Protein backbone atom coordinates (compact mmCIF):
# COMPACT_ATOMS: atom_id res chain seq x y z
CA MET A 1 106.24 81.43 109.59
CA SER A 2 105.36 83.32 112.74
CA THR A 3 106.79 82.01 116.00
CA ASP A 4 105.05 84.44 118.38
CA SER A 5 108.56 85.51 119.44
CA GLY A 6 108.56 88.35 121.94
CA TYR A 7 105.00 87.63 123.12
CA ASP A 8 104.34 85.74 126.33
CA ARG A 9 101.56 83.29 127.11
CA ALA A 10 99.28 86.08 128.34
CA ALA A 11 99.66 87.91 125.02
CA THR A 12 98.73 84.83 122.98
CA ALA A 13 95.87 83.71 125.26
CA ARG A 14 92.33 83.57 123.88
CA TRP A 15 89.11 84.59 125.68
CA VAL A 16 87.71 81.08 125.19
CA ALA A 17 90.14 78.15 125.35
CA GLU A 18 90.51 76.25 122.07
CA PRO A 19 92.00 72.84 121.23
CA PRO A 20 95.78 72.81 120.74
CA ASN A 21 96.92 74.30 117.44
CA SER A 22 98.15 71.52 115.16
CA SER A 23 98.45 73.61 111.99
CA GLY A 24 102.02 74.74 112.57
CA ARG A 25 100.95 78.37 112.15
CA GLY A 26 101.66 80.98 114.78
CA THR A 27 98.93 82.55 116.91
CA PHE A 28 98.95 85.82 115.02
CA GLU A 29 99.04 84.18 111.59
CA ARG A 30 95.82 82.43 112.57
CA ASP A 31 94.33 85.68 113.85
CA ARG A 32 95.11 87.47 110.60
CA ALA A 33 93.44 84.65 108.67
CA ARG A 34 90.35 84.82 110.88
CA VAL A 35 89.93 88.53 110.20
CA LEU A 36 90.68 88.14 106.50
CA HIS A 37 87.99 85.48 106.09
CA SER A 38 85.37 87.24 108.23
CA SER A 39 81.99 88.36 106.94
CA ALA A 40 82.54 91.80 108.43
CA LEU A 41 85.66 92.36 106.34
CA ARG A 42 83.90 91.35 103.13
CA ARG A 43 81.11 93.82 103.85
CA LEU A 44 83.61 96.67 103.84
CA ALA A 45 83.76 96.31 100.04
CA ALA A 46 80.42 98.14 99.82
CA LYS A 47 80.92 100.71 102.58
CA THR A 48 81.88 104.31 101.94
CA GLN A 49 85.43 105.52 102.33
CA VAL A 50 85.13 109.02 100.84
CA VAL A 51 83.30 108.51 97.55
CA SER A 52 80.29 106.17 97.64
CA PRO A 53 80.76 102.70 96.12
CA GLY A 54 79.35 102.55 92.61
CA SER A 55 80.08 106.21 91.80
CA GLY A 56 83.14 105.34 89.74
CA ASP A 57 85.05 102.42 88.25
CA PHE A 58 87.86 102.35 90.81
CA PRO A 59 86.61 103.85 94.08
CA ARG A 60 88.40 103.26 97.32
CA THR A 61 86.10 101.54 99.79
CA ARG A 62 86.54 100.66 103.44
CA LEU A 63 87.87 97.31 102.24
CA THR A 64 90.54 98.66 99.91
CA HIS A 65 91.51 101.17 102.58
CA SER A 66 91.85 98.38 105.15
CA LEU A 67 94.02 96.32 102.80
CA GLU A 68 96.25 99.32 102.10
CA CYS A 69 96.43 100.16 105.79
CA ALA A 70 97.43 96.55 106.52
CA GLN A 71 100.28 96.64 104.00
CA ILE A 72 101.63 99.88 105.48
CA GLY A 73 101.18 98.74 109.07
CA ARG A 74 102.70 95.32 108.46
CA GLU A 75 105.95 96.79 107.12
CA LEU A 76 106.14 99.49 109.78
CA GLY A 77 105.46 97.01 112.57
CA ALA A 78 108.06 94.56 111.28
CA ALA A 79 110.67 97.33 111.08
CA LEU A 80 110.03 98.15 114.74
CA GLY A 81 110.24 94.52 115.90
CA CYS A 82 106.50 93.83 116.28
CA ASP A 83 104.95 90.64 114.93
CA PRO A 84 103.92 91.62 111.38
CA ASP A 85 100.89 89.31 111.32
CA LEU A 86 99.61 90.84 114.53
CA VAL A 87 99.83 94.40 113.17
CA ASP A 88 98.41 93.23 109.84
CA ALA A 89 95.40 91.66 111.60
CA ALA A 90 94.79 94.80 113.65
CA CYS A 91 94.89 96.97 110.52
CA LEU A 92 92.47 94.68 108.69
CA ALA A 93 90.12 94.80 111.70
CA HIS A 94 90.29 98.48 112.58
CA ASP A 95 87.28 99.59 110.48
CA LEU A 96 85.04 96.51 110.79
CA GLY A 97 82.52 98.32 112.98
CA HIS A 98 81.94 101.27 110.68
CA PRO A 99 78.31 101.41 109.53
CA PRO A 100 76.94 102.27 106.08
CA PHE A 101 77.66 105.81 104.81
CA GLY A 102 80.91 106.19 106.72
CA HIS A 103 81.19 108.69 109.56
CA ASN A 104 77.86 110.15 108.47
CA GLY A 105 76.13 106.85 109.27
CA GLU A 106 78.08 106.70 112.53
CA SER A 107 76.63 110.08 113.55
CA ALA A 108 73.07 108.91 112.77
CA LEU A 109 73.47 105.72 114.81
CA ALA A 110 75.00 107.63 117.71
CA VAL A 111 71.78 109.64 117.98
CA LEU A 112 69.64 106.49 117.89
CA ALA A 113 71.80 104.73 120.49
CA VAL A 114 71.85 107.45 123.15
CA ASP A 115 69.67 105.40 125.51
CA CYS A 116 71.38 102.04 124.97
CA GLY A 117 75.06 102.83 125.47
CA GLY A 118 75.91 104.96 122.44
CA PHE A 119 77.46 104.11 119.11
CA GLU A 120 81.11 104.42 118.11
CA GLY A 121 82.71 102.69 115.13
CA ASN A 122 85.77 101.63 117.10
CA ALA A 123 83.68 100.13 119.92
CA GLN A 124 81.52 98.40 117.33
CA SER A 125 84.65 96.85 115.83
CA LEU A 126 85.53 95.33 119.20
CA ARG A 127 81.94 94.09 119.54
CA LEU A 128 82.19 92.34 116.18
CA LEU A 129 85.53 90.75 117.01
CA THR A 130 84.48 89.53 120.45
CA ARG A 131 80.76 88.89 120.12
CA LEU A 132 78.99 89.20 116.75
CA GLU A 133 81.18 87.32 114.28
CA THR A 134 80.59 83.57 114.30
CA LYS A 135 83.93 81.77 114.39
CA VAL A 136 83.40 80.80 118.04
CA PRO A 137 79.73 81.17 119.07
CA GLY A 138 79.32 83.99 121.56
CA SER A 139 82.98 84.98 121.40
CA GLY A 140 83.30 86.37 117.89
CA LEU A 141 86.59 85.52 116.20
CA ASN A 142 88.15 84.69 119.59
CA LEU A 143 91.38 86.45 118.72
CA ALA A 144 94.41 86.48 120.98
CA ARG A 145 94.66 89.13 123.69
CA ALA A 146 97.54 90.99 122.00
CA THR A 147 95.69 91.10 118.67
CA LEU A 148 92.53 92.50 120.22
CA ASP A 149 94.59 94.99 122.21
CA ALA A 150 96.23 96.17 118.99
CA THR A 151 92.82 97.03 117.51
CA LEU A 152 92.12 99.49 120.33
CA LYS A 153 92.96 103.00 119.14
CA TYR A 154 91.10 104.37 122.14
CA PRO A 155 91.75 101.93 125.01
CA TRP A 156 89.00 102.99 127.35
CA ILE A 157 85.29 102.34 127.88
CA ALA A 158 82.65 104.89 126.87
CA GLY A 159 82.59 107.74 129.37
CA HIS A 160 86.00 106.94 130.85
CA GLY A 161 88.35 108.55 128.35
CA PRO A 162 90.45 111.70 128.66
CA ALA A 163 88.56 114.95 129.14
CA GLY A 164 87.22 116.32 125.89
CA THR A 165 87.55 113.01 124.05
CA ALA A 166 84.38 111.71 122.41
CA LYS A 167 86.01 108.58 120.98
CA TYR A 168 86.18 105.29 122.86
CA GLY A 169 87.09 101.68 122.21
CA ALA A 170 84.41 99.69 124.05
CA TYR A 171 80.80 99.95 125.16
CA ALA A 172 79.98 99.54 128.85
CA GLU A 173 78.15 96.35 127.88
CA ASP A 174 81.46 94.87 126.70
CA ALA A 175 83.38 95.85 129.83
CA GLU A 176 84.15 92.27 130.85
CA VAL A 177 86.02 91.29 127.70
CA PHE A 178 87.62 94.75 127.56
CA ALA A 179 89.01 94.24 131.06
CA TRP A 180 90.37 90.83 130.01
CA ILE A 181 92.08 92.34 126.97
CA ARG A 182 93.61 95.15 128.99
CA ARG A 183 94.77 93.05 131.94
CA ASP A 184 98.06 94.51 133.25
CA ALA A 185 98.08 97.16 130.47
CA PRO A 186 98.92 100.77 131.37
CA PRO A 187 95.57 102.59 131.68
CA GLY A 188 94.68 104.67 128.64
CA ARG A 189 97.83 103.75 126.71
CA ALA A 190 97.63 101.92 123.40
CA CYS A 191 100.18 99.18 122.79
CA LEU A 192 102.96 99.76 120.24
CA GLU A 193 101.23 97.53 117.69
CA GLY A 194 98.04 99.56 118.11
CA GLN A 195 99.95 102.80 117.69
CA ALA A 196 101.53 101.44 114.51
CA MET A 197 98.06 100.51 113.23
CA ASP A 198 96.75 103.98 114.07
CA TRP A 199 99.57 105.73 112.20
CA ALA A 200 99.22 103.36 109.25
CA ASP A 201 95.52 104.25 109.14
CA ASP A 202 96.26 107.98 109.15
CA VAL A 203 98.93 107.61 106.48
CA ALA A 204 96.80 105.38 104.26
CA TYR A 205 93.69 107.48 104.16
CA SER A 206 95.37 110.90 104.08
CA VAL A 207 97.61 109.97 101.14
CA HIS A 208 95.14 107.81 99.22
CA ASP A 209 92.29 110.28 99.59
CA LEU A 210 94.63 112.91 98.14
CA GLU A 211 95.46 110.57 95.26
CA ASP A 212 91.78 109.92 94.56
CA GLY A 213 90.97 113.63 94.70
CA LEU A 214 93.72 114.51 92.24
CA GLN A 215 92.71 111.71 89.88
CA ALA A 216 89.04 112.79 90.02
CA GLY A 217 89.98 116.40 89.27
CA LEU A 218 88.49 117.63 92.55
CA ILE A 219 91.97 118.58 93.78
CA THR A 220 94.32 120.37 91.40
CA MET A 221 97.94 121.38 91.63
CA ALA A 222 96.95 124.88 90.53
CA GLY A 223 94.60 125.10 93.51
CA LEU A 224 97.24 123.83 95.92
CA ARG A 225 99.67 126.45 94.64
CA ASP A 226 97.17 129.26 95.16
CA ARG A 227 98.10 131.16 98.33
CA SER A 228 94.57 131.96 99.42
CA GLN A 229 93.44 128.36 98.94
CA ARG A 230 96.41 127.07 100.90
CA GLU A 231 95.49 129.40 103.77
CA ALA A 232 91.93 128.06 103.70
CA VAL A 233 93.25 124.49 103.91
CA ALA A 234 95.50 125.43 106.83
CA GLU A 235 92.61 127.02 108.72
CA LEU A 236 90.34 124.01 108.16
CA THR A 237 93.16 121.67 109.22
CA MET A 238 93.75 123.56 112.44
CA THR A 239 90.08 123.46 113.46
CA SER A 240 89.28 119.91 112.29
CA TYR A 241 92.43 117.79 112.56
CA CYS A 242 94.62 119.33 115.29
CA ASP A 243 94.24 119.50 119.05
CA PRO A 244 93.02 122.94 120.18
CA GLY A 245 95.90 125.29 120.87
CA SER A 246 98.52 122.85 119.59
CA VAL A 247 99.38 124.73 116.41
CA THR A 248 98.76 128.03 114.65
CA VAL A 249 97.60 128.67 111.12
CA GLY A 250 100.96 130.30 110.49
CA GLU A 251 102.93 127.19 111.46
CA LEU A 252 100.63 125.01 109.37
CA GLY A 253 101.14 127.34 106.42
CA GLU A 254 104.91 127.01 106.74
CA VAL A 255 104.70 123.22 106.99
CA PHE A 256 102.38 123.17 103.97
CA ASP A 257 104.83 125.29 101.96
CA ARG A 258 107.71 122.92 102.74
CA LEU A 259 105.60 119.87 101.95
CA LEU A 260 104.55 121.23 98.55
CA ASP A 261 108.16 122.15 97.77
CA LEU A 262 109.14 118.46 97.74
CA ASP A 263 110.23 117.17 94.34
CA CYS A 264 107.67 114.34 94.36
CA TRP A 265 104.69 116.55 93.45
CA PRO A 266 103.60 116.35 89.80
CA ASP A 267 103.17 119.48 87.71
CA GLY A 268 99.55 118.55 87.06
CA PHE A 269 97.29 115.66 86.20
CA ASP A 270 95.68 114.99 82.81
CA GLY A 271 94.86 111.28 83.15
CA GLY A 272 97.58 110.18 80.72
CA PRO A 273 100.16 107.47 81.38
CA ALA A 274 102.86 109.89 82.46
CA SER A 275 100.63 111.72 84.93
CA LEU A 276 99.26 108.46 86.33
CA ALA A 277 102.82 107.27 86.94
CA ALA A 278 103.69 110.61 88.55
CA LEU A 279 100.67 110.36 90.81
CA LYS A 280 101.66 106.86 91.93
CA LYS A 281 105.17 108.12 92.64
CA LEU A 282 103.71 110.91 94.78
CA THR A 283 101.65 108.39 96.74
CA SER A 284 104.62 106.09 97.26
CA ASP A 285 106.97 108.89 98.27
CA LEU A 286 104.55 110.39 100.79
CA ILE A 287 103.82 107.02 102.42
CA GLY A 288 107.53 106.32 102.60
CA ARG A 289 108.20 109.74 104.07
CA PHE A 290 105.64 109.33 106.84
CA CYS A 291 106.57 105.76 107.76
CA GLN A 292 110.34 106.19 107.58
CA ALA A 293 110.14 109.26 109.81
CA ALA A 294 108.16 107.33 112.45
CA GLN A 295 110.43 104.31 112.20
CA ALA A 296 113.63 106.33 112.58
CA ALA A 297 112.32 108.43 115.46
CA THR A 298 110.93 105.43 117.36
CA LEU A 299 114.12 103.39 117.02
CA ALA A 300 116.23 106.40 118.00
CA ALA A 301 114.14 106.99 121.12
CA SER A 302 114.44 103.30 122.03
CA ALA A 303 118.12 102.87 121.24
CA GLY A 304 119.67 99.99 123.16
CA ARG A 305 116.35 98.38 123.99
CA GLY A 306 115.38 95.22 122.18
CA GLY A 307 112.01 93.60 121.81
CA LEU A 308 109.89 96.63 120.97
CA THR A 309 106.53 94.97 121.43
CA ARG A 310 103.37 95.89 123.32
CA TYR A 311 104.40 98.32 126.08
CA ALA A 312 108.18 98.29 125.70
CA ALA A 313 108.03 101.49 123.62
CA ASP A 314 105.75 104.11 122.12
CA LEU A 315 105.59 105.07 118.47
CA VAL A 316 107.30 108.41 117.92
CA VAL A 317 106.08 110.45 114.95
CA PRO A 318 107.95 113.71 114.38
CA ARG A 319 105.78 116.80 114.72
CA ALA A 320 106.44 117.86 111.13
CA GLN A 321 105.09 114.60 109.72
CA ARG A 322 102.05 114.66 111.98
CA LEU A 323 101.21 118.15 110.74
CA GLU A 324 101.88 117.17 107.11
CA CYS A 325 99.51 114.23 107.46
CA ALA A 326 96.88 116.47 109.05
CA LEU A 327 97.23 118.93 106.17
CA LEU A 328 96.58 116.20 103.62
CA LYS A 329 93.38 115.37 105.50
CA GLY A 330 92.54 119.07 105.35
CA VAL A 331 93.09 119.11 101.59
CA THR A 332 90.58 116.29 101.08
CA ALA A 333 88.10 117.87 103.48
CA CYS A 334 88.34 121.20 101.70
CA TYR A 335 88.08 120.04 98.09
CA VAL A 336 86.23 116.70 98.27
CA MET A 337 84.07 116.44 101.37
CA SER A 338 82.98 120.10 101.30
CA ARG A 339 82.01 120.22 97.63
CA ALA A 340 78.54 121.23 96.47
CA GLY A 341 75.78 118.74 97.21
CA VAL A 342 77.61 116.75 99.88
CA VAL A 343 75.79 118.31 102.85
CA ALA A 344 72.36 117.60 101.37
CA ALA A 345 73.33 114.03 100.45
CA GLN A 346 74.61 113.38 103.96
CA ALA A 347 71.40 114.65 105.51
CA ALA A 348 69.42 112.25 103.30
CA GLU A 349 71.65 109.37 104.38
CA ARG A 350 71.13 110.15 108.07
CA ASP A 351 67.37 110.26 107.52
CA LEU A 352 67.54 106.89 105.76
CA VAL A 353 69.43 105.33 108.67
CA ALA A 354 66.94 106.69 111.22
CA GLU A 355 63.86 105.56 109.30
CA LEU A 356 65.35 102.16 108.56
CA ALA A 357 66.24 101.54 112.22
CA SER A 358 62.69 102.48 113.22
CA ALA A 359 61.19 100.07 110.68
CA ILE A 360 63.47 97.22 111.74
CA GLU A 361 62.65 97.77 115.40
CA ALA A 362 58.90 97.91 114.72
CA GLY A 363 58.95 94.60 112.83
CA ALA A 364 61.52 92.69 114.88
CA PRO A 365 62.42 89.91 115.17
CA GLU A 366 61.18 89.05 111.65
CA THR A 367 62.94 92.10 110.20
CA LEU A 368 66.31 91.05 111.65
CA ASP A 369 68.86 88.77 110.03
CA PRO A 370 68.53 85.23 111.49
CA VAL A 371 71.90 85.54 113.20
CA LEU A 372 70.59 88.43 115.34
CA ARG A 373 67.13 87.09 116.18
CA PRO A 374 68.27 85.04 119.21
CA ALA A 375 69.79 88.19 120.76
CA TRP A 376 66.46 89.99 120.33
CA GLU A 377 64.55 87.11 121.90
CA VAL A 378 66.68 87.13 125.06
CA ALA A 379 66.94 90.92 125.35
CA GLY A 380 65.53 91.86 128.72
CA SER A 381 64.69 95.50 128.04
CA ALA A 382 63.82 97.99 125.34
CA GLN A 383 67.39 99.29 125.55
CA ALA A 384 68.81 95.82 124.94
CA GLN A 385 66.49 95.37 121.98
CA ARG A 386 67.59 98.73 120.57
CA ARG A 387 71.19 97.54 120.76
CA VAL A 388 70.29 94.55 118.60
CA VAL A 389 68.71 96.91 116.06
CA ILE A 390 71.84 99.06 116.12
CA ASP A 391 73.98 95.96 115.53
CA GLN A 392 71.76 95.10 112.55
CA VAL A 393 71.90 98.52 110.90
CA ALA A 394 75.63 98.86 111.53
CA SER A 395 76.24 95.56 109.77
CA LEU A 396 74.65 96.75 106.53
CA THR A 397 76.57 98.12 103.57
CA ASP A 398 75.68 101.30 101.73
CA THR A 399 73.97 99.25 99.03
CA SER A 400 72.15 96.84 101.32
CA ALA A 401 70.96 99.70 103.58
CA LYS A 402 69.31 101.29 100.56
CA ALA A 403 67.78 97.96 99.53
CA TRP A 404 66.44 97.32 103.05
CA TYR A 405 65.02 100.85 103.09
CA ARG A 406 63.17 100.27 99.82
CA ARG A 407 61.78 97.01 101.17
CA LEU A 408 60.78 98.12 104.69
CA CYS A 409 60.11 101.85 104.42
CA ARG A 410 58.26 102.32 101.12
């Protein structure tokens, strides 16, 4: 049972005061349960991770990814001294704001939301947690300050981040609750629990997307052993997943060589029992490698300091493991997300999102879910009404977006 040990009253405070807790559960246990039982989390079951839901018997969705991220983050956080339920809750919540069709849908909504404050999946997650979910009317799930803080990968408001950074954690419209969450926090610095969540997210999707690609036959060991293909992966990784000027293709190639020389890699994959077991061993070994490296480096850097929570320490991930993780993302991007037909399919999805948003806006409030109609009725401007439409489209799953499109646009 959680005792909230290491977290002061400010960390466990809620935006809206609630009656005393008589359940015997700790603050962060309750927060984890609130996220786990939320409508937004259930909807992730039908939202794209890499392969669209319904395209296979065992696809990873945003929901399965979030559950896997939570397991990784919970163990890493506990090993560092963080409250495991807090990190677990943040991991479960980190993708709640992602719209249908993954990052492709996010790009389409960002275009539509230019005049009403923009669209960003991370900021939309905060909006769900603090406003749109219905545990406490008007205050979302009303999670504790430390839990909400741990969901913020990018702890700044739109337009106020580091130079060259397009990501952000909150819309200007949500500045008041953002300021409450970040009271006394170092500007622009994520808390340790949030950093653990962020690394767990990177580890989960880089390793599991690799596993899915190998199992689907889109990634092969023969291809990974081919020198020219490895160079192509390194180049894509450098341009897409590394900060400009932070690494060369040559260094990435050397890191890639050492990574592929590890004994955990299977000789191949034929779908049989032995190869399935070998693939699971690869997944387990890579996750362990990435998490154990971060754990050891963080504890070494914080030697002699107890209570590694919130801002008492930063997560330290060795450069080699950061580059290895980036390379795995590059592998999936090269073989899975860049395969034939993907570009055309993504363009069609963006068109669907744009047309659907237009149809919803034209027919509102009747075209909105009942839970969003009051927000439309009190919206004082066209921009505020557009935000309600954006909230509606973002809430849809891949499957429901297509169903709404057939109903409203044909």
